[in-house]
C-alpha atoms as a PDB file:
ATOM      1  CA  UNK A   1       0.000   0.000   0.000  1.00  0.00           C
ATOM      2  CA  UNK A   2       1.070   3.573  -0.649  1.00  0.00           C
ATOM      3  CA  UNK A   3       1.663   6.106   2.094  1.00  0.00           C
ATOM      4  CA  UNK A   4       0.771   9.789   1.996  1.00  0.00           C
ATOM      5  CA  UNK A   5       3.370  12.554   2.334  1.00  0.00           C
ATOM      6  CA  UNK A   6       3.247  14.870   5.347  1.00  0.00           C
ATOM      7  CA  UNK A   7       0.650  17.655   5.046  1.00  0.00           C
ATOM      8  CA  UNK A   8       1.866  20.196   2.539  1.00  0.00           C
ATOM      9  CA  UNK A   9       1.517  23.964   3.032  1.00  0.00           C
ATOM     10  CA  UNK A  10       1.030  24.455  -0.713  1.00  0.00           C
ATOM     11  CA  UNK A  11      -2.262  23.048  -2.004  1.00  0.00           C
ATOM     12  CA  UNK A  12      -2.857  23.683  -5.692  1.00  0.00           C
ATOM     13  CA  UNK A  13      -6.443  23.210  -6.767  1.00  0.00           C
ATOM     14  CA  UNK A  14      -9.529  24.543  -8.495  1.00  0.00           C
ATOM     15  CA  UNK A  15     -12.429  26.716  -7.386  1.00  0.00           C
ATOM     16  CA  UNK A  16     -15.561  26.184  -9.490  1.00  0.00           C
ATOM     17  CA  UNK A  17     -18.370  28.733  -9.479  1.00  0.00           C
ATOM     18  CA  UNK A  18     -21.676  26.882  -9.890  1.00  0.00           C
ATOM     19  CA  UNK A  19     -23.496  30.208 -10.159  1.00  0.00           C
ATOM     20  CA  UNK A  20     -22.055  31.079 -13.568  1.00  0.00           C
ATOM     21  CA  UNK A  21     -21.150  27.690 -15.058  1.00  0.00           C
ATOM     22  CA  UNK A  22     -23.324  27.351 -18.179  1.00  0.00           C
ATOM     23  CA  UNK A  23     -22.620  23.678 -18.862  1.00  0.00           C
ATOM     24  CA  UNK A  24     -20.956  24.334 -22.230  1.00  0.00           C
ATOM     25  CA  UNK A  25     -18.426  21.487 -21.710  1.00  0.00           C
ATOM     26  CA  UNK A  26     -15.549  23.699 -22.908  1.00  0.00           C
ATOM     27  CA  UNK A  27     -13.579  22.633 -19.834  1.00  0.00           C
ATOM     28  CA  UNK A  28     -14.052  18.954 -20.626  1.00  0.00           C
ATOM     29  CA  UNK A  29     -13.078  19.368 -24.274  1.00  0.00           C
ATOM     30  CA  UNK A  30     -10.017  21.508 -23.472  1.00  0.00           C
ATOM     31  CA  UNK A  31      -8.926  18.965 -20.849  1.00  0.00           C
ATOM     32  CA  UNK A  32      -9.302  16.153 -23.374  1.00  0.00           C
ATOM     33  CA  UNK A  33      -7.365  18.065 -26.037  1.00  0.00           C
ATOM     34  CA  UNK A  34      -4.431  19.016 -23.810  1.00  0.00           C
ATOM     35  CA  UNK A  35      -4.029  15.705 -22.020  1.00  0.00           C
ATOM     36  CA  UNK A  36      -4.473  13.669 -25.189  1.00  0.00           C
ATOM     37  CA  UNK A  37      -1.094  14.887 -26.409  1.00  0.00           C
ATOM     38  CA  UNK A  38       0.534  15.747 -23.106  1.00  0.00           C
ATOM     39  CA  UNK A  39       2.733  13.861 -20.680  1.00  0.00           C
ATOM     40  CA  UNK A  40      -0.173  11.734 -19.440  1.00  0.00           C
ATOM     41  CA  UNK A  41      -1.835  11.010 -22.799  1.00  0.00           C
ATOM     42  CA  UNK A  42      -3.210   9.744 -24.936  1.00  0.00           C
ATOM     43  CA  UNK A  43      -6.782   9.623 -23.684  1.00  0.00           C
ATOM     44  CA  UNK A  44      -8.074   6.726 -25.720  1.00  0.00           C
ATOM     45  CA  UNK A  45     -11.430   6.743 -27.542  1.00  0.00           C
ATOM     46  CA  UNK A  46     -13.042   3.507 -28.688  1.00  0.00           C
ATOM     47  CA  UNK A  47     -15.431   3.554 -31.632  1.00  0.00           C
ATOM     48  CA  UNK A  48     -15.977   7.338 -31.224  1.00  0.00           C
ATOM     49  CA  UNK A  49     -18.377   7.600 -34.166  1.00  0.00           C
ATOM     50  CA  UNK A  50     -20.135   4.274 -33.713  1.00  0.00           C
ATOM     51  CA  UNK A  51     -23.270   3.180 -31.921  1.00  0.00           C
ATOM     52  CA  UNK A  52     -21.579   2.655 -28.541  1.00  0.00           C
ATOM     53  CA  UNK A  53     -18.682   5.106 -28.244  1.00  0.00           C
ATOM     54  CA  UNK A  54     -16.426   4.790 -25.216  1.00  0.00           C
ATOM     55  CA  UNK A  55     -13.599   6.993 -24.065  1.00  0.00           C
ATOM     56  CA  UNK A  56     -11.590   8.485 -21.229  1.00  0.00           C
ATOM     57  CA  UNK A  57     -12.605  11.953 -20.042  1.00  0.00           C
ATOM     58  CA  UNK A  58     -10.779  13.448 -17.057  1.00  0.00           C
ATOM     59  CA  UNK A  59     -13.389  16.163 -16.622  1.00  0.00           C
ATOM     60  CA  UNK A  60     -17.150  15.675 -16.971  1.00  0.00           C
ATOM     61  CA  UNK A  61     -20.091  18.058 -16.579  1.00  0.00           C
ATOM     62  CA  UNK A  62     -23.431  16.928 -15.116  1.00  0.00           C
ATOM     63  CA  UNK A  63     -26.641  18.966 -15.209  1.00  0.00           C
ATOM     64  CA  UNK A  64     -29.340  18.897 -12.516  1.00  0.00           C
ATOM     65  CA  UNK A  65     -32.583  20.694 -11.783  1.00  0.00           C
ATOM     66  CA  UNK A  66     -32.609  21.848  -8.161  1.00  0.00           C
ATOM     67  CA  UNK A  67     -35.573  22.979  -6.082  1.00  0.00           C
ATOM     68  CA  UNK A  68     -34.595  26.265  -4.424  1.00  0.00           C
ATOM     69  CA  UNK A  69     -36.732  28.222  -1.912  1.00  0.00           C
ATOM     70  CA  UNK A  70     -37.731  30.853  -4.479  1.00  0.00           C
ATOM     71  CA  UNK A  71     -37.384  29.147  -7.863  1.00  0.00           C
ATOM     72  CA  UNK A  72     -36.181  26.064  -9.686  1.00  0.00           C
ATOM     73  CA  UNK A  73     -32.522  26.190 -10.665  1.00  0.00           C
ATOM     74  CA  UNK A  74     -30.617  24.396 -13.373  1.00  0.00           C
ATOM     75  CA  UNK A  75     -27.168  23.662 -11.973  1.00  0.00           C
ATOM     76  CA  UNK A  76     -24.265  22.534 -14.152  1.00  0.00           C
ATOM     77  CA  UNK A  77     -21.833  20.555 -12.040  1.00  0.00           C
ATOM     78  CA  UNK A  78     -18.287  19.949 -13.380  1.00  0.00           C
ATOM     79  CA  UNK A  79     -16.624  16.893 -11.836  1.00  0.00           C
ATOM     80  CA  UNK A  80     -12.992  15.842 -11.843  1.00  0.00           C
ATOM     81  CA  UNK A  81     -10.354  14.761  -9.332  1.00  0.00           C
ATOM     82  CA  UNK A  82     -10.545  16.887  -6.174  1.00  0.00           C
ATOM     83  CA  UNK A  83      -6.899  16.234  -5.146  1.00  0.00           C
ATOM     84  CA  UNK A  84      -7.946  15.365  -1.619  1.00  0.00           C
ATOM     85  CA  UNK A  85      -5.636  15.896   1.335  1.00  0.00           C
ATOM     86  CA  UNK A  86      -6.281  12.362   2.635  1.00  0.00           C
ATOM     87  CA  UNK A  87      -7.178  10.356  -0.487  1.00  0.00           C
ATOM     88  CA  UNK A  88      -7.933   6.656  -0.083  1.00  0.00           C
ATOM     89  CA  UNK A  89      -7.244   6.235  -3.804  1.00  0.00           C
ATOM     90  CA  UNK A  90      -3.569   6.655  -2.916  1.00  0.00           C
ATOM     91  CA  UNK A  91      -3.382   4.545   0.211  1.00  0.00           C
ATOM     92  CA  UNK A  92      -5.092   1.512  -1.363  1.00  0.00           C
ATOM     93  CA  UNK A  93      -2.728   1.392  -4.345  1.00  0.00           C
ATOM     94  CA  UNK A  94      -0.630  -1.828  -4.074  1.00  0.00           C
ATOM     95  CA  UNK A  95       2.168  -0.677  -6.388  1.00  0.00           C
ATOM     96  CA  UNK A  96       2.680   2.991  -5.548  1.00  0.00           C
ATOM     97  CA  UNK A  97       1.331   4.018  -8.943  1.00  0.00           C
ATOM     98  CA  UNK A  98      -1.166   6.379  -7.337  1.00  0.00           C
ATOM     99  CA  UNK A  99       0.642   9.013  -5.316  1.00  0.00           C
ATOM    100  CA  UNK A 100       0.303  12.509  -3.846  1.00  0.00           C
ATOM    101  CA  UNK A 101       3.059  15.023  -4.531  1.00  0.00           C
ATOM    102  CA  UNK A 102       4.638  16.510  -1.408  1.00  0.00           C
ATOM    103  CA  UNK A 103       5.493  19.848  -3.042  1.00  0.00           C
ATOM    104  CA  UNK A 104       2.009  20.905  -4.120  1.00  0.00           C
ATOM    105  CA  UNK A 105      -0.527  18.240  -3.082  1.00  0.00           C
ATOM    106  CA  UNK A 106      -1.423  17.160  -6.635  1.00  0.00           C
ATOM    107  CA  UNK A 107      -2.533  13.518  -6.918  1.00  0.00           C
ATOM    108  CA  UNK A 108      -1.160  11.652  -9.943  1.00  0.00           C
ATOM    109  CA  UNK A 109      -0.898   8.171 -11.436  1.00  0.00           C
ATOM    110  CA  UNK A 110       2.371   6.667 -12.671  1.00  0.00           C
ATOM    111  CA  UNK A 111       1.184   4.550 -15.592  1.00  0.00           C
ATOM    112  CA  UNK A 112       4.479   2.625 -15.646  1.00  0.00           C
ATOM    113  CA  UNK A 113       3.593   1.235 -12.204  1.00  0.00           C
ATOM    114  CA  UNK A 114      -0.182   0.929 -12.633  1.00  0.00           C
ATOM    115  CA  UNK A 115      -1.434  -2.640 -13.057  1.00  0.00           C
ATOM    116  CA  UNK A 116      -5.050  -1.672 -13.683  1.00  0.00           C
ATOM    117  CA  UNK A 117      -6.419  -3.368 -10.561  1.00  0.00           C
ATOM    118  CA  UNK A 118      -9.019  -0.556 -10.160  1.00  0.00           C
ATOM    119  CA  UNK A 119      -8.712  -0.453  -6.367  1.00  0.00           C
ATOM    120  CA  UNK A 120      -8.218   3.302  -6.538  1.00  0.00           C
ATOM    121  CA  UNK A 121     -11.416   3.813  -8.530  1.00  0.00           C
ATOM    122  CA  UNK A 122     -13.367   1.738  -6.013  1.00  0.00           C
ATOM    123  CA  UNK A 123     -11.912   3.798  -3.160  1.00  0.00           C
ATOM    124  CA  UNK A 124     -12.724   7.170  -4.746  1.00  0.00           C
ATOM    125  CA  UNK A 125     -16.232   8.279  -3.665  1.00  0.00           C
ATOM    126  CA  UNK A 126     -16.303  11.034  -6.283  1.00  0.00           C
ATOM    127  CA  UNK A 127     -15.971   8.826  -9.361  1.00  0.00           C
ATOM    128  CA  UNK A 128     -12.959  10.836 -10.505  1.00  0.00           C
ATOM    129  CA  UNK A 129     -10.869   8.004 -11.940  1.00  0.00           C
ATOM    130  CA  UNK A 130     -11.146   6.622 -15.458  1.00  0.00           C
ATOM    131  CA  UNK A 131     -10.000   3.186 -16.561  1.00  0.00           C
ATOM    132  CA  UNK A 132      -8.684   2.801 -20.090  1.00  0.00           C
ATOM    133  CA  UNK A 133      -9.608  -0.580 -21.498  1.00  0.00           C
ATOM    134  CA  UNK A 134      -7.042  -0.063 -24.257  1.00  0.00           C
ATOM    135  CA  UNK A 135      -4.098   0.955 -22.074  1.00  0.00           C
ATOM    136  CA  UNK A 136      -5.090  -1.182 -19.083  1.00  0.00           C
ATOM    137  CA  UNK A 137      -4.308   1.627 -16.646  1.00  0.00           C
ATOM    138  CA  UNK A 138      -6.087   4.256 -14.589  1.00  0.00           C
ATOM    139  CA  UNK A 139      -6.126   7.896 -15.685  1.00  0.00           C
ATOM    140  CA  UNK A 140      -7.274  11.031 -13.898  1.00  0.00           C
ATOM    141  CA  UNK A 141      -7.096  14.815 -13.750  1.00  0.00           C
ATOM    142  CA  UNK A 142      -3.496  15.974 -13.374  1.00  0.00           C
ATOM    143  CA  UNK A 143      -4.281  19.686 -12.890  1.00  0.00           C
ATOM    144  CA  UNK A 144      -2.269  19.928 -16.126  1.00  0.00           C
ATOM    145  CA  UNK A 145       0.924  19.593 -14.087  1.00  0.00           C
ATOM    146  CA  UNK A 146       2.893  19.424 -17.327  1.00  0.00           C
ATOM    147  CA  UNK A 147       1.454  22.816 -18.246  1.00  0.00           C
ATOM    148  CA  UNK A 148       1.449  24.817 -15.018  1.00  0.00           C
ATOM    149  CA  UNK A 149       5.191  24.215 -14.548  1.00  0.00           C
ATOM    150  CA  UNK A 150       6.094  24.621 -18.229  1.00  0.00           C
ATOM    151  CA  UNK A 151       8.688  27.413 -18.426  1.00  0.00           C
ATOM    152  CA  UNK A 152       8.352  27.614 -22.215  1.00  0.00           C
ATOM    153  CA  UNK A 153       4.815  28.981 -21.841  1.00  0.00           C
ATOM    154  CA  UNK A 154       3.972  32.569 -21.061  1.00  0.00           C
ATOM    155  CA  UNK A 155       3.310  32.908 -17.326  1.00  0.00           C
ATOM    156  CA  UNK A 156      -0.350  33.774 -17.870  1.00  0.00           C
ATOM    157  CA  UNK A 157      -0.790  30.493 -19.787  1.00  0.00           C
ATOM    158  CA  UNK A 158       0.545  28.331 -16.951  1.00  0.00           C
ATOM    159  CA  UNK A 159      -2.912  27.333 -15.792  1.00  0.00           C
ATOM    160  CA  UNK A 160      -4.924  24.145 -16.288  1.00  0.00           C
ATOM    161  CA  UNK A 161      -6.445  23.893 -19.761  1.00  0.00           C
ATOM    162  CA  UNK A 162      -9.975  23.832 -18.309  1.00  0.00           C
ATOM    163  CA  UNK A 163      -9.411  27.182 -16.599  1.00  0.00           C
ATOM    164  CA  UNK A 164      -8.018  28.769 -19.754  1.00  0.00           C
ATOM    165  CA  UNK A 165     -10.966  27.559 -21.859  1.00  0.00           C
ATOM    166  CA  UNK A 166     -13.885  28.527 -19.586  1.00  0.00           C
ATOM    167  CA  UNK A 167     -15.870  31.273 -21.405  1.00  0.00           C
ATOM    168  CA  UNK A 168     -17.625  32.550 -18.267  1.00  0.00           C
ATOM    169  CA  UNK A 169     -14.593  32.419 -15.953  1.00  0.00           C
ATOM    170  CA  UNK A 170     -16.375  29.944 -13.712  1.00  0.00           C
ATOM    171  CA  UNK A 171     -13.107  28.128 -12.978  1.00  0.00           C
ATOM    172  CA  UNK A 172     -10.201  29.477 -10.929  1.00  0.00           C
ATOM    173  CA  UNK A 173      -6.793  27.969 -10.139  1.00  0.00           C
ATOM    174  CA  UNK A 174      -4.357  28.705  -7.351  1.00  0.00           C
ATOM    175  CA  UNK A 175      -2.909  27.840  -3.967  1.00  0.00           C
ATOM    176  CA  UNK A 176      -5.712  26.990  -1.564  1.00  0.00           C
ATOM    177  CA  UNK A 177      -3.195  26.417   1.202  1.00  0.00           C
ATOM    178  CA  UNK A 178      -2.457  30.155   1.283  1.00  0.00           C
ATOM    179  CA  UNK A 179      -5.330  31.992   3.004  1.00  0.00           C
ATOM    180  CA  UNK A 180      -4.309  35.254   1.310  1.00  0.00           C
ATOM    181  CA  UNK A 181      -4.327  33.869  -2.240  1.00  0.00           C
ATOM    182  CA  UNK A 182      -7.040  35.088  -4.660  1.00  0.00           C
ATOM    183  CA  UNK A 183      -8.700  31.651  -4.729  1.00  0.00           C
ATOM    184  CA  UNK A 184      -8.767  31.380  -0.935  1.00  0.00           C
ATOM    185  CA  UNK A 185     -10.254  34.869  -0.615  1.00  0.00           C
ATOM    186  CA  UNK A 186     -12.852  33.961  -3.230  1.00  0.00           C
ATOM    187  CA  UNK A 187     -13.846  30.838  -1.291  1.00  0.00           C
ATOM    188  CA  UNK A 188     -14.118  32.841   1.938  1.00  0.00           C
ATOM    189  CA  UNK A 189     -16.224  35.608   0.368  1.00  0.00           C
ATOM    190  CA  UNK A 190     -18.651  33.228  -1.360  1.00  0.00           C
ATOM    191  CA  UNK A 191     -18.952  30.517   1.313  1.00  0.00           C
ATOM    192  CA  UNK A 192     -17.190  27.951  -0.855  1.00  0.00           C
ATOM    193  CA  UNK A 193     -17.532  24.376   0.314  1.00  0.00           C
ATOM    194  CA  UNK A 194     -16.058  20.889   0.075  1.00  0.00           C
ATOM    195  CA  UNK A 195     -17.886  18.165  -1.824  1.00  0.00           C
ATOM    196  CA  UNK A 196     -19.237  15.600   0.665  1.00  0.00           C
ATOM    197  CA  UNK A 197     -17.146  16.809   3.640  1.00  0.00           C
ATOM    198  CA  UNK A 198     -18.712  14.153   5.879  1.00  0.00           C
ATOM    199  CA  UNK A 199     -16.558  11.534   4.139  1.00  0.00           C
ATOM    200  CA  UNK A 200     -13.418  13.041   5.637  1.00  0.00           C
ATOM    201  CA  UNK A 201     -11.234  13.137   2.507  1.00  0.00           C
ATOM    202  CA  UNK A 202     -10.745  16.917   2.726  1.00  0.00           C
ATOM    203  CA  UNK A 203     -10.798  17.772  -0.983  1.00  0.00           C
ATOM    204  CA  UNK A 204      -8.629  20.688  -2.015  1.00  0.00           C
ATOM    205  CA  UNK A 205     -10.958  21.757  -4.842  1.00  0.00           C
ATOM    206  CA  UNK A 206     -13.847  23.950  -3.720  1.00  0.00           C
ATOM    207  CA  UNK A 207     -17.271  24.778  -5.148  1.00  0.00           C
ATOM    208  CA  UNK A 208     -19.016  28.138  -4.957  1.00  0.00           C
ATOM    209  CA  UNK A 209     -22.795  27.754  -4.490  1.00  0.00           C
ATOM    210  CA  UNK A 210     -25.380  29.320  -6.806  1.00  0.00           C
ATOM    211  CA  UNK A 211     -26.602  32.701  -5.597  1.00  0.00           C
ATOM    212  CA  UNK A 212     -30.281  32.991  -4.543  1.00  0.00           C
ATOM    213  CA  UNK A 213     -32.633  33.778  -7.406  1.00  0.00           C
ATOM    214  CA  UNK A 214     -35.509  36.238  -7.247  1.00  0.00           C
ATOM    215  CA  UNK A 215     -38.917  34.651  -6.938  1.00  0.00           C
ATOM    216  CA  UNK A 216     -40.757  34.255 -10.229  1.00  0.00           C
ATOM    217  CA  UNK A 217     -44.070  36.116 -10.135  1.00  0.00           C
ATOM    218  CA  UNK A 218     -47.204  34.796 -11.836  1.00  0.00           C
ATOM    219  CA  UNK A 219     -48.184  37.895 -13.796  1.00  0.00           C
ATOM    220  CA  UNK A 220     -51.518  38.115 -15.632  1.00  0.00           C
ATOM    221  CA  UNK A 221     -51.329  37.518 -19.334  1.00  0.00           C
ATOM    222  CA  UNK A 222     -50.905  40.684 -21.372  1.00  0.00           C
ATOM    223  CA  UNK A 223     -54.065  41.803 -23.099  1.00  0.00           C
ATOM    224  CA  UNK A 224     -54.138  41.778 -26.852  1.00  0.00           C
ATOM    225  CA  UNK A 225     -53.454  45.206 -28.400  1.00  0.00           C
ATOM    226  CA  UNK A 226     -56.539  46.802 -29.930  1.00  0.00           C
ATOM    227  CA  UNK A 227     -56.562  47.693 -33.587  1.00  0.00           C
ATOM    228  CA  UNK A 228     -57.183  51.402 -33.883  1.00  0.00           C
ATOM    229  CA  UNK A 229     -58.172  53.028 -37.199  1.00  0.00           C
ATOM    230  CA  UNK A 230     -55.320  54.789 -38.944  1.00  0.00           C
ATOM    231  CA  UNK A 231     -55.690  58.542 -39.183  1.00  0.00           C
ATOM    232  CA  UNK A 232     -54.065  59.163 -42.563  1.00  0.00           C
ATOM    233  CA  UNK A 233     -54.393  62.895 -42.180  1.00  0.00           C
ATOM    234  CA  UNK A 234     -51.743  62.857 -39.486  1.00  0.00           C
ATOM    235  CA  UNK A 235     -49.215  61.020 -41.660  1.00  0.00           C
ATOM    236  CA  UNK A 236     -46.386  62.764 -43.448  1.00  0.00           C
ATOM    237  CA  UNK A 237     -46.701  63.062 -47.255  1.00  0.00           C
ATOM    238  CA  UNK A 238     -44.149  60.259 -47.713  1.00  0.00           C
ATOM    239  CA  UNK A 239     -45.978  57.866 -45.353  1.00  0.00           C
ATOM    240  CA  UNK A 240     -49.304  58.726 -47.004  1.00  0.00           C
ATOM    241  CA  UNK A 241     -47.807  57.781 -50.376  1.00  0.00           C
ATOM    242  CA  UNK A 242     -46.434  54.485 -48.927  1.00  0.00           C
ATOM    243  CA  UNK A 243     -49.831  53.705 -47.389  1.00  0.00           C
ATOM    244  CA  UNK A 244     -51.544  54.400 -50.712  1.00  0.00           C
ATOM    245  CA  UNK A 245     -49.167  52.100 -52.589  1.00  0.00           C
ATOM    246  CA  UNK A 246     -49.459  49.256 -50.058  1.00  0.00           C
ATOM    247  CA  UNK A 247     -53.256  49.567 -49.953  1.00  0.00           C
ATOM    248  CA  UNK A 248     -53.759  48.875 -53.692  1.00  0.00           C
END
């Protein structure tokens, strides 16, 4: 079994704003595109244009209708690895393939050591691990670790692909171990929360809840406008000519 490193002061992760996520799946597609050719690719697709396509997606978006006190809400819920502080997916791994980095808290899979036993996927309560039938190994969100530390990229581009692609800026990346970081301040100001905190895995990624919506009022139906006779005498000469032509 694999042991966890000591608690790390630096905790890189994502903050996802459920209030402005529109469910466009740009994050999922950008994740697929980057990781398909990156250090942890390819992300295999089987029969992608057939009747039963299968494939590995490290980020997925689910859509729910939620009953709120004032109105019904449609909530788009992106789901990927939460890079937990105490992840069982790491401690159950018999080969050390699943591990948590001491320097930044990112959870990764070493495919050279993975034997595809799926213990980690059974241990993950968030369904964040994907098994590739073709490669015979587990794959998961890497926080684009091969991108965020890439010195050949402009500094502003050293963010996960999903964050860069989000059209509404519903995704944020940073150090959640630093209480003064922009992401930590955002979580504090918006009452950000852990997913299923009662399980005790202490996910690093946070979600920002939807803001309350105004109550929808049942207004009476608008009355049909009444047809009033046209007073041609009040029209300009040009409009009178147009009316005469159209009335033929």
